[in-house]
Amino acid sequence: MLGVQRFFGVPVDQTIEALLTQSAQDQQEVTNQLGWQVRKAVEVLVQSFDKLDLDSNRLLLAGADEKQIYEAALTVMMRLVFLFCAEERGLLLLGDPLYDQFYAGLHPARSASGGS
């Protein structure tokens, strides 16, 4: 990547500077898309909470204001994003019996039978 051939005799769009610029633009696009997806997921989650609250004659969320509900939904979504990223990067101990039993929600009896 940093060999001399990368600095001389390459097309302008293949120079280190051009590649770094493109990488920054791509990173910003991924960030923007993730932000949009999280906002949409929070919206769906809040609408689901509202529907459940309506079905319970407004008893389910009694005492919780809109800001609290939104912040709770956002917190849940951001934690999910964090966990999905950690899982994708292999940072979780998936496959470790202790982790699987107590954190991943897999129980040996259910895992062995393949069902719930």
C-alpha atoms as a PDB file:
ATOM      1  CA  MET A   1       0.000   0.000   0.000  1.00  0.00           C
ATOM      2  CA  LEU A   2       2.801   2.423   0.819  1.00  0.00           C
ATOM      3  CA  GLY A   3       5.260   1.170  -1.762  1.00  0.00           C
ATOM      4  CA  VAL A   4       7.014   3.643  -4.042  1.00  0.00           C
ATOM      5  CA  GLN A   5       4.816   2.508  -6.941  1.00  0.00           C
ATOM      6  CA  ARG A   6       1.819   3.975  -5.091  1.00  0.00           C
ATOM      7  CA  PHE A   7       3.357   7.469  -5.272  1.00  0.00           C
ATOM      8  CA  PHE A   8       4.724   7.552  -8.822  1.00  0.00           C
ATOM      9  CA  GLY A   9       3.215   6.586 -12.145  1.00  0.00           C
ATOM     10  CA  VAL A  10      -0.304   5.841 -10.930  1.00  0.00           C
ATOM     11  CA  PRO A  11      -3.525   7.439 -12.102  1.00  0.00           C
ATOM     12  CA  VAL A  12      -4.559  10.504 -10.078  1.00  0.00           C
ATOM     13  CA  ASP A  13      -7.529   8.650  -8.583  1.00  0.00           C
ATOM     14  CA  GLN A  14      -5.213   5.893  -7.282  1.00  0.00           C
ATOM     15  CA  THR A  15      -2.772   8.064  -5.317  1.00  0.00           C
ATOM     16  CA  ILE A  16      -2.644   7.750  -1.536  1.00  0.00           C
ATOM     17  CA  GLU A  17      -4.283  11.152  -1.130  1.00  0.00           C
ATOM     18  CA  ALA A  18      -7.126  10.248  -3.500  1.00  0.00           C
ATOM     19  CA  LEU A  19      -7.651   6.876  -1.829  1.00  0.00           C
ATOM     20  CA  LEU A  20      -7.746   8.464   1.638  1.00  0.00           C
ATOM     21  CA  THR A  21     -10.219  11.085   0.436  1.00  0.00           C
ATOM     22  CA  GLN A  22     -12.455   8.406  -1.072  1.00  0.00           C
ATOM     23  CA  SER A  23     -12.195   6.319   2.079  1.00  0.00           C
ATOM     24  CA  ALA A  24     -13.310   9.291   4.214  1.00  0.00           C
ATOM     25  CA  GLN A  25     -16.260   9.902   1.887  1.00  0.00           C
ATOM     26  CA  ASP A  26     -17.245   6.229   2.016  1.00  0.00           C
ATOM     27  CA  GLN A  27     -16.987   6.240   5.813  1.00  0.00           C
ATOM     28  CA  GLN A  28     -19.251   9.296   5.976  1.00  0.00           C
ATOM     29  CA  GLU A  29     -21.802   7.581   3.720  1.00  0.00           C
ATOM     30  CA  VAL A  30     -21.824   4.484   5.948  1.00  0.00           C
ATOM     31  CA  THR A  31     -22.248   6.717   9.008  1.00  0.00           C
ATOM     32  CA  ASN A  32     -25.120   8.590   7.370  1.00  0.00           C
ATOM     33  CA  GLN A  33     -26.880   5.355   6.362  1.00  0.00           C
ATOM     34  CA  LEU A  34     -26.452   3.851   9.825  1.00  0.00           C
ATOM     35  CA  GLY A  35     -27.821   7.028  11.399  1.00  0.00           C
ATOM     36  CA  TRP A  36     -30.856   6.948   9.112  1.00  0.00           C
ATOM     37  CA  GLN A  37     -31.481   3.261   9.874  1.00  0.00           C
ATOM     38  CA  VAL A  38     -31.229   3.821  13.629  1.00  0.00           C
ATOM     39  CA  ARG A  39     -33.613   6.786  13.459  1.00  0.00           C
ATOM     40  CA  LYS A  40     -36.099   4.705  11.474  1.00  0.00           C
ATOM     41  CA  ALA A  41     -35.788   1.781  13.903  1.00  0.00           C
ATOM     42  CA  VAL A  42     -36.343   4.120  16.867  1.00  0.00           C
ATOM     43  CA  GLU A  43     -39.436   5.491  15.136  1.00  0.00           C
ATOM     44  CA  VAL A  44     -40.824   1.976  14.602  1.00  0.00           C
ATOM     45  CA  LEU A  45     -40.036   0.979  18.188  1.00  0.00           C
ATOM     46  CA  VAL A  46     -41.708   4.086  19.629  1.00  0.00           C
ATOM     47  CA  GLN A  47     -44.768   3.518  17.423  1.00  0.00           C
ATOM     48  CA  SER A  48     -44.920  -0.082  18.681  1.00  0.00           C
ATOM     49  CA  PHE A  49     -44.712   1.131  22.285  1.00  0.00           C
ATOM     50  CA  ASP A  50     -47.527   3.571  21.573  1.00  0.00           C
ATOM     51  CA  LYS A  51     -49.684   0.818  20.065  1.00  0.00           C
ATOM     52  CA  LEU A  52     -49.096  -1.456  23.060  1.00  0.00           C
ATOM     53  CA  ASP A  53     -49.848   1.447  25.392  1.00  0.00           C
ATOM     54  CA  LEU A  54     -53.061   2.203  23.511  1.00  0.00           C
ATOM     55  CA  ASP A  55     -54.064  -1.469  23.699  1.00  0.00           C
ATOM     56  CA  SER A  56     -53.572  -1.335  27.487  1.00  0.00           C
ATOM     57  CA  ASN A  57     -55.808   1.741  27.819  1.00  0.00           C
ATOM     58  CA  ARG A  58     -52.706   3.915  28.308  1.00  0.00           C
ATOM     59  CA  LEU A  59     -51.671   2.047  31.449  1.00  0.00           C
ATOM     60  CA  LEU A  60     -48.462   0.506  30.069  1.00  0.00           C
ATOM     61  CA  LEU A  61     -46.536   3.756  29.834  1.00  0.00           C
ATOM     62  CA  ALA A  62     -48.384   5.703  32.500  1.00  0.00           C
ATOM     63  CA  GLY A  63     -45.981   8.147  34.109  1.00  0.00           C
ATOM     64  CA  ALA A  64     -43.435   8.019  31.261  1.00  0.00           C
ATOM     65  CA  ASP A  65     -43.183  11.133  29.145  1.00  0.00           C
ATOM     66  CA  GLU A  66     -42.382  11.202  25.425  1.00  0.00           C
ATOM     67  CA  LYS A  67     -38.769  12.232  26.008  1.00  0.00           C
ATOM     68  CA  GLN A  68     -38.144   9.271  28.323  1.00  0.00           C
ATOM     69  CA  ILE A  69     -39.689   6.856  25.842  1.00  0.00           C
ATOM     70  CA  TYR A  70     -37.645   8.251  22.952  1.00  0.00           C
ATOM     71  CA  GLU A  71     -34.403   8.180  24.965  1.00  0.00           C
ATOM     72  CA  ALA A  72     -35.073   4.595  26.070  1.00  0.00           C
ATOM     73  CA  ALA A  73     -35.765   3.479  22.501  1.00  0.00           C
ATOM     74  CA  LEU A  74     -32.642   5.265  21.246  1.00  0.00           C
ATOM     75  CA  THR A  75     -30.534   3.671  23.985  1.00  0.00           C
ATOM     76  CA  VAL A  76     -31.783   0.208  23.052  1.00  0.00           C
ATOM     77  CA  MET A  77     -31.058   0.770  19.360  1.00  0.00           C
ATOM     78  CA  MET A  78     -27.569   2.155  19.964  1.00  0.00           C
ATOM     79  CA  ARG A  79     -26.726  -0.789  22.209  1.00  0.00           C
ATOM     80  CA  LEU A  80     -27.923  -3.165  19.514  1.00  0.00           C
ATOM     81  CA  VAL A  81     -25.747  -1.390  16.939  1.00  0.00           C
ATOM     82  CA  PHE A  82     -22.785  -1.701  19.285  1.00  0.00           C
ATOM     83  CA  LEU A  83     -23.433  -5.413  19.860  1.00  0.00           C
ATOM     84  CA  PHE A  84     -23.896  -6.115  16.151  1.00  0.00           C
ATOM     85  CA  CYS A  85     -20.633  -4.324  15.360  1.00  0.00           C
ATOM     86  CA  ALA A  86     -18.804  -6.220  18.103  1.00  0.00           C
ATOM     87  CA  GLU A  87     -20.247  -9.506  16.861  1.00  0.00           C
ATOM     88  CA  GLU A  88     -19.284  -8.737  13.256  1.00  0.00           C
ATOM     89  CA  ARG A  89     -15.697  -8.002  14.321  1.00  0.00           C
ATOM     90  CA  GLY A  90     -15.452 -11.206  16.348  1.00  0.00           C
ATOM     91  CA  LEU A  91     -15.167  -9.332  19.646  1.00  0.00           C
ATOM     92  CA  LEU A  92     -17.787 -11.402  21.454  1.00  0.00           C
ATOM     93  CA  LEU A  93     -16.964 -14.774  22.939  1.00  0.00           C
ATOM     94  CA  LEU A  94     -19.528 -16.615  20.825  1.00  0.00           C
ATOM     95  CA  GLY A  95     -18.949 -20.345  21.118  1.00  0.00           C
ATOM     96  CA  ASP A  96     -17.423 -20.086  24.587  1.00  0.00           C
ATOM     97  CA  PRO A  97     -19.671 -22.239  26.832  1.00  0.00           C
ATOM     98  CA  LEU A  98     -19.747 -19.728  29.700  1.00  0.00           C
ATOM     99  CA  TYR A  99     -20.579 -16.827  27.371  1.00  0.00           C
ATOM    100  CA  ASP A 100     -23.177 -18.815  25.461  1.00  0.00           C
ATOM    101  CA  GLN A 101     -24.895 -19.981  28.650  1.00  0.00           C
ATOM    102  CA  PHE A 102     -25.062 -16.671  30.503  1.00  0.00           C
ATOM    103  CA  TYR A 103     -24.821 -13.897  27.912  1.00  0.00           C
ATOM    104  CA  ALA A 104     -25.812 -15.188  24.500  1.00  0.00           C
ATOM    105  CA  GLY A 105     -29.032 -16.713  25.821  1.00  0.00           C
ATOM    106  CA  LEU A 106     -28.132 -20.190  24.653  1.00  0.00           C
ATOM    107  CA  HIS A 107     -28.872 -22.935  27.121  1.00  0.00           C
ATOM    108  CA  PRO A 108     -27.168 -26.322  26.703  1.00  0.00           C
ATOM    109  CA  ALA A 109     -30.443 -28.256  26.894  1.00  0.00           C
ATOM    110  CA  ARG A 110     -32.078 -26.111  24.225  1.00  0.00           C
ATOM    111  CA  SER A 111     -28.964 -25.926  22.038  1.00  0.00           C
ATOM    112  CA  ALA A 112     -28.489 -29.680  22.028  1.00  0.00           C
ATOM    113  CA  SER A 113     -32.072 -30.307  21.000  1.00  0.00           C
ATOM    114  CA  GLY A 114     -31.961 -27.547  18.381  1.00  0.00           C
ATOM    115  CA  GLY A 115     -35.165 -25.966  19.615  1.00  0.00           C
ATOM    116  CA  SER A 116     -36.557 -23.713  22.254  1.00  0.00           C
END
